[in-house]
Amino acid sequence: MVTPTTPARPQPVDLTRFAWLAIGAALVTIALKSLAWWVTGSVGLLSDAAESLVNLVAAVVALVALTVAVLPADKNHHFGHSKAEYFSAAAEGLMIFVAAAVILASAIERFINPRPLDNVGIGLAVSVVASVVNGLVAWVLLRAGALHRSITLTADGKHLMTDVWTSVGVVVGVLLVALTGWERLDPLVAFAVGVNILVTGWRLIRRASAGLMDVSLPEEDDEIIRAVLDRYSGDHVTWHRLLTREAGSRRFMQFDLLVPGVWSVQRSHDLVEDITAALVAEFPDIDVTCHVEPIEDPRSYEDLVR
């Protein structure tokens, strides 16, 4: 019996607890920001509350995506379900567009028909508390997203962090209205918030689309992979046609290994196992596919021409 040399790959991590955290934070901030809008009448604070409503819907979508992404491979999905995370990020981007449209329309209407603000102090205090909640949860999500390579958690964290900066802008705008008495400053700030949200939505959609189109691994990851392959290369062994992609938190790669045609299947297989073990040691979540070819055969290089 041959003892396997490739380390066992870790099982996908259930990240739904972070989605539940985002849902709880969204409910709290919706209540707080709606209260702030109700007591002040500020369209800027209304836009802030609208974005938190989008946060709630996005967190629910993220919960569904993370639940699906962790499912194992089956007869219809041989590579697993990790790409479900990209649908979550794309859906969140689209919802951000809708929220931005509502905010921009409200800002234009309020600019045309300005109204005075009420109870500014109470409204701002409530909004600041909501921003602190969002900031803490965003920090947790961004850390978890980086640790587990989850585009869903990263997108949700970035969205919440954008919400924090949005709230800061709104609070400053409302405060300036109270200090200067210029009522049209409130809708102007709300309009700027809407534009900022549009930019965030576009970035999320662009990243999700790249993932669905099987974007290659980052250059720094490819460099590590090439260094590992070069370690096993020599006068009679080399490699070419390295292809990489990522799907959610998983990495995939394939390459052609060129060895002497006189080598036995066992010897070639042992080398592939050693290379795979070295790659998995660098990237525990990587799925490696290798095609062994005779180095002397011209047909081994036809793929490079194609």
Protein backbone atom coordinates (compact mmCIF):
# COMPACT_ATOMS: atom_id res chain seq x y z
CA MET A 1 0.00 0.00 0.00
CA VAL A 2 1.30 3.44 -0.95
CA THR A 3 0.90 6.13 1.71
CA PRO A 4 -0.62 9.29 0.24
CA THR A 5 1.74 12.27 0.26
CA THR A 6 -0.85 14.97 -0.37
CA PRO A 7 -2.19 16.57 2.83
CA ALA A 8 -5.93 16.33 3.39
CA ARG A 9 -7.73 19.45 2.26
CA PRO A 10 -9.76 21.26 4.90
CA GLN A 11 -13.54 21.13 4.66
CA PRO A 12 -15.38 24.34 3.65
CA VAL A 13 -16.06 26.55 6.65
CA ASP A 14 -19.66 27.47 7.50
CA LEU A 15 -19.67 31.29 7.45
CA THR A 16 -23.42 31.82 7.89
CA ARG A 17 -22.92 33.11 11.44
CA PHE A 18 -21.39 36.26 9.96
CA ALA A 19 -24.44 36.73 7.73
CA TRP A 20 -26.68 36.50 10.79
CA LEU A 21 -24.51 39.12 12.46
CA ALA A 22 -24.98 41.41 9.44
CA ILE A 23 -28.75 40.83 9.53
CA GLY A 24 -28.90 41.77 13.20
CA ALA A 25 -26.81 44.89 12.63
CA ALA A 26 -29.03 45.93 9.69
CA LEU A 27 -32.19 45.62 11.79
CA VAL A 28 -30.69 47.70 14.57
CA THR A 29 -29.39 50.42 12.25
CA ILE A 30 -32.66 50.60 10.28
CA ALA A 31 -34.53 51.26 13.52
CA LEU A 32 -32.02 53.86 14.71
CA LYS A 33 -31.68 55.71 11.40
CA SER A 34 -35.43 55.71 10.78
CA LEU A 35 -35.85 57.27 14.22
CA ALA A 36 -33.21 59.88 13.36
CA TRP A 37 -35.01 60.73 10.09
CA TRP A 38 -38.41 60.84 11.82
CA VAL A 39 -37.33 63.32 14.49
CA THR A 40 -35.40 65.59 12.10
CA GLY A 41 -37.13 65.31 8.73
CA SER A 42 -33.69 65.25 7.04
CA VAL A 43 -33.64 63.73 3.56
CA GLY A 44 -29.95 63.00 4.14
CA LEU A 45 -30.83 60.84 7.13
CA LEU A 46 -33.65 59.28 5.10
CA SER A 47 -31.11 58.29 2.45
CA ASP A 48 -28.94 56.81 5.18
CA ALA A 49 -31.88 54.75 6.47
CA ALA A 50 -32.66 53.58 2.93
CA GLU A 51 -29.14 52.27 2.51
CA SER A 52 -29.48 50.31 5.75
CA LEU A 53 -32.61 48.70 4.30
CA VAL A 54 -30.47 47.59 1.36
CA ASN A 55 -27.96 46.25 3.88
CA LEU A 56 -30.69 44.05 5.35
CA VAL A 57 -31.72 42.61 2.00
CA ALA A 58 -28.07 42.10 1.05
CA ALA A 59 -27.38 40.30 4.35
CA VAL A 60 -30.30 37.93 3.71
CA VAL A 61 -29.00 37.23 0.19
CA ALA A 62 -25.54 36.66 1.67
CA LEU A 63 -26.99 34.17 4.16
CA VAL A 64 -28.55 32.17 1.31
CA ALA A 65 -25.35 32.33 -0.78
CA LEU A 66 -23.10 31.23 2.08
CA THR A 67 -25.48 28.37 2.89
CA VAL A 68 -25.32 27.15 -0.72
CA ALA A 69 -21.58 27.78 -1.18
CA VAL A 70 -20.62 25.40 1.64
CA LEU A 71 -22.56 22.47 0.10
CA PRO A 72 -20.30 19.63 -1.13
CA ALA A 73 -19.95 18.60 -4.75
CA ASP A 74 -22.77 16.46 -6.15
CA LYS A 75 -23.62 14.70 -9.40
CA ASN A 76 -24.71 17.97 -11.04
CA HIS A 77 -22.01 20.22 -9.54
CA HIS A 78 -18.72 18.34 -9.68
CA PHE A 79 -16.68 21.36 -8.58
CA GLY A 80 -18.93 22.25 -5.65
CA HIS A 81 -21.10 25.33 -5.15
CA SER A 82 -18.58 27.99 -4.16
CA LYS A 83 -19.54 30.28 -7.07
CA ALA A 84 -22.84 30.98 -5.30
CA GLU A 85 -20.98 33.73 -3.45
CA TYR A 86 -20.59 35.72 -6.67
CA PHE A 87 -24.36 35.82 -7.16
CA SER A 88 -24.68 37.35 -3.70
CA ALA A 89 -22.15 40.08 -4.48
CA ALA A 90 -23.82 40.83 -7.84
CA ALA A 91 -27.27 40.97 -6.24
CA GLU A 92 -25.99 43.32 -3.57
CA GLY A 93 -24.54 45.60 -6.26
CA LEU A 94 -27.87 45.72 -8.10
CA MET A 95 -29.76 46.51 -4.88
CA ILE A 96 -27.32 49.33 -4.18
CA PHE A 97 -28.22 50.81 -7.58
CA VAL A 98 -31.91 50.76 -6.65
CA ALA A 99 -31.23 52.42 -3.29
CA ALA A 100 -29.08 55.06 -4.97
CA ALA A 101 -31.88 55.86 -7.44
CA VAL A 102 -34.34 56.42 -4.57
CA ILE A 103 -31.83 58.58 -2.70
CA LEU A 104 -31.04 60.73 -5.75
CA ALA A 105 -34.74 61.24 -6.53
CA SER A 106 -35.46 62.25 -2.91
CA ALA A 107 -32.49 64.62 -2.88
CA ILE A 108 -33.61 66.38 -6.08
CA GLU A 109 -37.15 66.79 -4.76
CA ARG A 110 -35.93 68.21 -1.44
CA PHE A 111 -33.52 70.57 -3.23
CA ILE A 112 -36.43 71.97 -5.23
CA ASN A 113 -38.67 72.14 -2.14
CA PRO A 114 -36.38 72.70 0.89
CA ARG A 115 -37.80 72.27 4.38
CA PRO A 116 -36.36 73.10 7.81
CA LEU A 117 -34.93 70.38 10.06
CA ASP A 118 -36.17 69.58 13.56
CA ASN A 119 -34.52 68.08 16.67
CA VAL A 120 -31.13 68.00 14.99
CA GLY A 121 -29.22 67.09 18.15
CA ILE A 122 -31.28 63.99 18.91
CA GLY A 123 -31.24 62.86 15.29
CA LEU A 124 -27.49 63.19 14.97
CA ALA A 125 -26.85 61.34 18.24
CA VAL A 126 -29.00 58.41 17.11
CA SER A 127 -27.29 58.35 13.71
CA VAL A 128 -23.83 58.28 15.30
CA VAL A 129 -24.81 55.26 17.44
CA ALA A 130 -26.01 53.46 14.30
CA SER A 131 -22.73 54.26 12.55
CA VAL A 132 -20.71 52.79 15.42
CA VAL A 133 -22.73 49.55 15.18
CA ASN A 134 -22.14 49.40 11.42
CA GLY A 135 -18.44 50.15 11.80
CA LEU A 136 -17.87 47.35 14.29
CA VAL A 137 -19.77 44.79 12.22
CA ALA A 138 -17.98 45.91 9.02
CA TRP A 139 -14.62 45.37 10.73
CA VAL A 140 -15.64 41.83 11.75
CA LEU A 141 -16.91 40.98 8.25
CA LEU A 142 -13.82 42.34 6.48
CA ARG A 143 -11.50 40.35 8.75
CA ALA A 144 -13.53 37.17 8.24
CA GLY A 145 -13.70 37.78 4.49
CA ALA A 146 -9.92 38.12 4.25
CA LEU A 147 -9.30 35.11 6.49
CA HIS A 148 -11.69 32.78 4.65
CA ARG A 149 -11.31 34.36 1.17
CA SER A 150 -15.07 34.99 1.02
CA ILE A 151 -16.17 37.55 -1.57
CA THR A 152 -19.61 37.61 0.07
CA LEU A 153 -18.31 38.68 3.48
CA THR A 154 -15.84 41.10 1.90
CA ALA A 155 -18.59 42.69 -0.21
CA ASP A 156 -20.90 42.96 2.79
CA GLY A 157 -18.12 44.42 4.92
CA LYS A 158 -17.17 46.98 2.29
CA HIS A 159 -20.79 47.93 1.85
CA LEU A 160 -21.21 48.48 5.58
CA MET A 161 -17.99 50.49 5.70
CA THR A 162 -19.31 52.63 2.85
CA ASP A 163 -22.47 53.06 4.92
CA VAL A 164 -20.32 54.31 7.80
CA TRP A 165 -18.65 56.97 5.66
CA THR A 166 -22.02 57.83 4.17
CA SER A 167 -23.40 58.39 7.66
CA VAL A 168 -20.43 60.57 8.53
CA GLY A 169 -21.15 62.73 5.48
CA VAL A 170 -24.84 62.95 6.31
CA VAL A 171 -24.17 63.89 9.93
CA VAL A 172 -21.75 66.61 8.82
CA GLY A 173 -24.33 67.87 6.30
CA VAL A 174 -27.16 68.01 8.82
CA LEU A 175 -24.87 69.70 11.35
CA LEU A 176 -23.89 72.33 8.77
CA VAL A 177 -27.55 72.96 7.97
CA ALA A 178 -28.22 73.55 11.67
CA LEU A 179 -25.23 75.90 11.92
CA THR A 180 -25.70 77.85 8.66
CA GLY A 181 -29.46 77.67 8.15
CA TRP A 182 -28.92 76.78 4.45
CA GLU A 183 -31.57 74.08 4.02
CA ARG A 184 -30.50 73.02 0.51
CA LEU A 185 -27.21 71.72 1.93
CA ASP A 186 -29.07 68.67 3.28
CA PRO A 187 -30.25 67.40 -0.17
CA LEU A 188 -26.86 68.23 -1.67
CA VAL A 189 -25.21 65.91 0.85
CA ALA A 190 -27.87 63.28 0.14
CA PHE A 191 -27.12 63.56 -3.60
CA ALA A 192 -23.40 63.05 -2.95
CA VAL A 193 -24.28 60.00 -0.85
CA GLY A 194 -26.30 58.58 -3.75
CA VAL A 195 -23.41 59.00 -6.18
CA ASN A 196 -21.02 57.34 -3.73
CA ILE A 197 -23.38 54.39 -3.36
CA LEU A 198 -23.57 54.03 -7.15
CA VAL A 199 -19.77 53.73 -7.31
CA THR A 200 -19.80 51.04 -4.60
CA GLY A 201 -22.50 49.08 -6.42
CA TRP A 202 -20.57 49.19 -9.68
CA ARG A 203 -17.41 47.90 -8.01
CA LEU A 204 -19.27 44.97 -6.45
CA ILE A 205 -20.91 44.01 -9.74
CA ARG A 206 -17.59 44.25 -11.59
CA ARG A 207 -15.84 41.96 -9.10
CA ALA A 208 -18.70 39.45 -9.07
CA SER A 209 -18.74 39.39 -12.88
CA ALA A 210 -15.01 38.73 -12.97
CA GLY A 211 -15.48 35.73 -10.66
CA LEU A 212 -18.33 34.31 -12.75
CA MET A 213 -16.08 34.65 -15.82
CA ASP A 214 -13.39 32.47 -14.17
CA VAL A 215 -10.85 35.21 -13.58
CA SER A 216 -7.32 33.90 -13.01
CA LEU A 217 -5.68 33.92 -9.61
CA PRO A 218 -3.92 37.11 -8.48
CA GLU A 219 -0.41 37.55 -9.87
CA GLU A 220 1.15 37.03 -6.43
CA ASP A 221 -0.52 33.61 -6.17
CA ASP A 222 0.61 32.67 -9.69
CA GLU A 223 4.18 33.60 -8.79
CA ILE A 224 4.12 31.23 -5.82
CA ILE A 225 2.72 28.45 -8.01
CA ARG A 226 5.37 29.00 -10.69
CA ALA A 227 8.10 28.95 -8.02
CA VAL A 228 6.85 25.57 -6.76
CA LEU A 229 6.76 24.14 -10.29
CA ASP A 230 10.25 25.47 -11.02
CA ARG A 231 11.52 23.70 -7.91
CA TYR A 232 10.72 20.38 -9.53
CA SER A 233 12.03 21.29 -12.98
CA GLY A 234 15.43 20.33 -14.35
CA ASP A 235 17.26 19.11 -17.43
CA HIS A 236 14.71 16.36 -18.14
CA VAL A 237 11.57 17.68 -16.45
CA THR A 238 9.71 20.90 -17.16
CA TRP A 239 6.19 22.30 -17.31
CA HIS A 240 4.03 24.65 -19.34
CA ARG A 241 0.43 25.81 -19.98
CA LEU A 242 -0.34 26.86 -16.43
CA LEU A 243 -4.03 27.84 -16.11
CA THR A 244 -5.58 29.15 -12.89
CA ARG A 245 -8.98 30.36 -11.74
CA GLU A 246 -10.86 31.01 -8.55
CA ALA A 247 -14.44 30.27 -7.55
CA GLY A 248 -15.45 31.97 -4.33
CA SER A 249 -13.02 30.81 -1.66
CA ARG A 250 -11.62 27.95 -3.76
CA ARG A 251 -8.61 27.96 -6.10
CA PHE A 252 -8.19 25.80 -9.18
CA MET A 253 -5.13 25.22 -11.36
CA GLN A 254 -4.01 22.92 -14.13
CA PHE A 255 -0.72 22.49 -15.93
CA ASP A 256 1.17 20.17 -18.27
CA LEU A 257 4.16 18.31 -16.82
CA LEU A 258 6.72 17.20 -19.39
CA VAL A 259 8.84 14.19 -18.41
CA PRO A 260 11.06 11.73 -20.34
CA GLY A 261 8.97 9.34 -22.42
CA VAL A 262 10.82 6.34 -20.99
CA TRP A 263 9.60 7.07 -17.46
CA SER A 264 7.13 4.61 -15.98
CA VAL A 265 3.61 5.65 -15.04
CA GLN A 266 4.52 5.10 -11.39
CA ARG A 267 7.53 7.42 -11.53
CA SER A 268 5.54 10.18 -13.27
CA HIS A 269 2.68 9.73 -10.81
CA ASP A 270 5.01 10.01 -7.81
CA LEU A 271 6.41 13.29 -9.14
CA VAL A 272 2.90 14.69 -9.67
CA GLU A 273 1.98 13.70 -6.11
CA ASP A 274 5.05 15.46 -4.74
CA ILE A 275 4.29 18.63 -6.71
CA THR A 276 0.65 18.55 -5.64
CA ALA A 277 1.65 18.15 -2.00
CA ALA A 278 3.94 21.18 -2.28
CA LEU A 279 1.18 23.25 -3.89
CA VAL A 280 -1.40 22.24 -1.27
CA ALA A 281 1.08 23.17 1.44
CA GLU A 282 1.07 26.70 0.00
CA PHE A 283 -2.67 26.83 -0.75
CA PRO A 284 -4.68 24.28 1.29
CA ASP A 285 -7.85 25.02 -0.68
CA ILE A 286 -6.36 24.54 -4.18
CA ASP A 287 -7.55 21.87 -6.60
CA VAL A 288 -4.69 20.67 -8.85
CA THR A 289 -5.06 18.98 -12.24
CA CYS A 290 -1.94 17.81 -14.07
CA HIS A 291 -1.51 16.39 -17.57
CA VAL A 292 1.71 14.37 -17.97
CA GLU A 293 3.31 14.47 -21.44
CA PRO A 294 6.52 13.08 -22.99
CA ILE A 295 9.02 15.87 -23.31
CA GLU A 296 10.36 14.55 -26.66
CA ASP A 297 6.98 14.40 -28.44
CA PRO A 298 6.20 17.47 -30.63
CA ARG A 299 2.50 16.96 -29.92
CA SER A 300 3.15 17.91 -26.30
CA TYR A 301 3.64 21.49 -27.45
CA GLU A 302 0.59 21.79 -29.72
CA ASP A 303 -1.49 23.25 -26.87
CA LEU A 304 0.90 26.19 -26.67
CA VAL A 305 0.34 26.95 -30.39
CA ARG A 306 -3.45 26.77 -29.98
